[in-house]
Amino acid sequence: MANGLVLNLLRTIRNNSTSITGKGLPGAYVKAYVNGKQIGSTVKVKSDGTYKISIPKQKSKTGVIVKMKKSGYETDLEDRVVRAK
């Protein structure tokens, strides 16, 4: 059975945010999605467990899903709503 990943967003996503930062399992890959479409690039979690995805600014109340994957582990995701600055 696969082990679970733990994904942690470090800060709120605001309508003036141009990145999403967080912590995860080193070596895992992280992607962000809006309405099922990927925004920004796929990034790899660094050896210190942190990641940063550059994204275009999003409108307030937009739903953003951040997913982390690594071979041999179950996918973890965080669901956030963009807030006004």
Protein backbone atom coordinates (compact mmCIF):
# COMPACT_ATOMS: atom_id res chain seq x y z
CA MET A 1 0.00 0.00 0.00
CA ALA A 2 1.27 3.49 -0.85
CA ASN A 3 2.25 5.97 1.85
CA GLY A 4 0.45 9.31 2.03
CA LEU A 5 2.11 12.62 1.23
CA VAL A 6 1.54 15.69 3.38
CA LEU A 7 1.27 18.99 1.50
CA ASN A 8 1.29 22.25 3.41
CA LEU A 9 0.66 25.69 1.92
CA LEU A 10 2.58 28.30 3.89
CA ARG A 11 0.57 31.37 3.14
CA THR A 12 -2.79 32.54 1.90
CA ILE A 13 -3.18 32.98 -1.85
CA ARG A 14 -4.25 36.57 -2.46
CA ASN A 15 -5.47 38.27 -5.64
CA ASN A 16 -2.08 40.04 -5.91
CA SER A 17 -0.02 36.85 -5.30
CA THR A 18 2.39 35.82 -8.04
CA SER A 19 3.57 32.65 -6.30
CA ILE A 20 2.40 29.81 -4.09
CA THR A 21 4.84 28.59 -1.44
CA GLY A 22 4.68 25.64 0.89
CA LYS A 23 6.29 22.54 2.29
CA GLY A 24 6.20 18.96 1.11
CA LEU A 25 8.17 15.77 0.70
CA PRO A 26 11.61 16.42 -0.86
CA GLY A 27 11.71 15.17 -4.43
CA ALA A 28 7.92 15.29 -4.92
CA TYR A 29 6.40 17.33 -7.74
CA VAL A 30 3.86 20.10 -7.10
CA LYS A 31 1.34 21.63 -9.53
CA ALA A 32 -1.40 24.25 -9.15
CA TYR A 33 -4.76 24.16 -10.97
CA VAL A 34 -7.70 26.50 -11.57
CA ASN A 35 -10.85 24.94 -13.07
CA GLY A 36 -8.87 21.80 -13.95
CA LYS A 37 -6.24 23.75 -15.92
CA GLN A 38 -2.65 23.94 -14.67
CA ILE A 39 -1.39 27.41 -13.80
CA GLY A 40 2.34 27.99 -13.47
CA SER A 41 4.98 25.33 -13.95
CA THR A 42 5.45 21.99 -12.25
CA VAL A 43 8.05 22.37 -9.49
CA LYS A 44 10.07 19.87 -7.50
CA VAL A 45 10.15 20.10 -3.70
CA LYS A 46 13.69 21.06 -2.63
CA SER A 47 15.82 18.99 -0.25
CA ASP A 48 14.83 21.35 2.59
CA GLY A 49 11.15 20.47 1.98
CA THR A 50 10.08 23.80 0.46
CA TYR A 51 8.62 24.69 -2.91
CA LYS A 52 7.57 27.82 -4.81
CA ILE A 53 5.30 27.91 -7.86
CA SER A 54 5.21 31.14 -9.90
CA ILE A 55 1.62 31.86 -10.97
CA PRO A 56 -0.29 34.62 -12.74
CA LYS A 57 -2.44 36.79 -10.46
CA GLN A 58 -5.87 35.28 -9.85
CA LYS A 59 -9.22 36.96 -9.20
CA SER A 60 -10.67 36.94 -5.68
CA LYS A 61 -12.82 33.90 -4.89
CA THR A 62 -11.04 31.76 -7.54
CA GLY A 63 -10.59 28.18 -6.39
CA VAL A 64 -6.98 26.94 -6.58
CA ILE A 65 -6.03 23.30 -6.09
CA VAL A 66 -2.41 22.44 -5.35
CA LYS A 67 -1.39 18.79 -5.89
CA MET A 68 1.78 16.99 -4.85
CA LYS A 69 2.86 13.65 -6.37
CA LYS A 70 5.76 11.28 -5.86
CA SER A 71 6.18 7.75 -7.14
CA GLY A 72 5.18 5.19 -4.52
CA TYR A 73 3.01 7.65 -2.58
CA GLU A 74 -0.64 8.63 -2.70
CA THR A 75 -1.31 12.09 -4.16
CA ASP A 76 -2.11 14.86 -1.67
CA LEU A 77 -3.92 18.07 -2.48
CA GLU A 78 -4.87 21.36 -0.85
CA ASP A 79 -7.87 23.40 -1.96
CA ARG A 80 -7.77 27.18 -1.41
CA VAL A 81 -9.86 30.17 -2.40
CA VAL A 82 -8.05 33.33 -3.53
CA ARG A 83 -8.66 36.19 -1.10
CA ALA A 84 -8.61 39.94 -1.65
CA LYS A 85 -5.40 41.69 -0.65
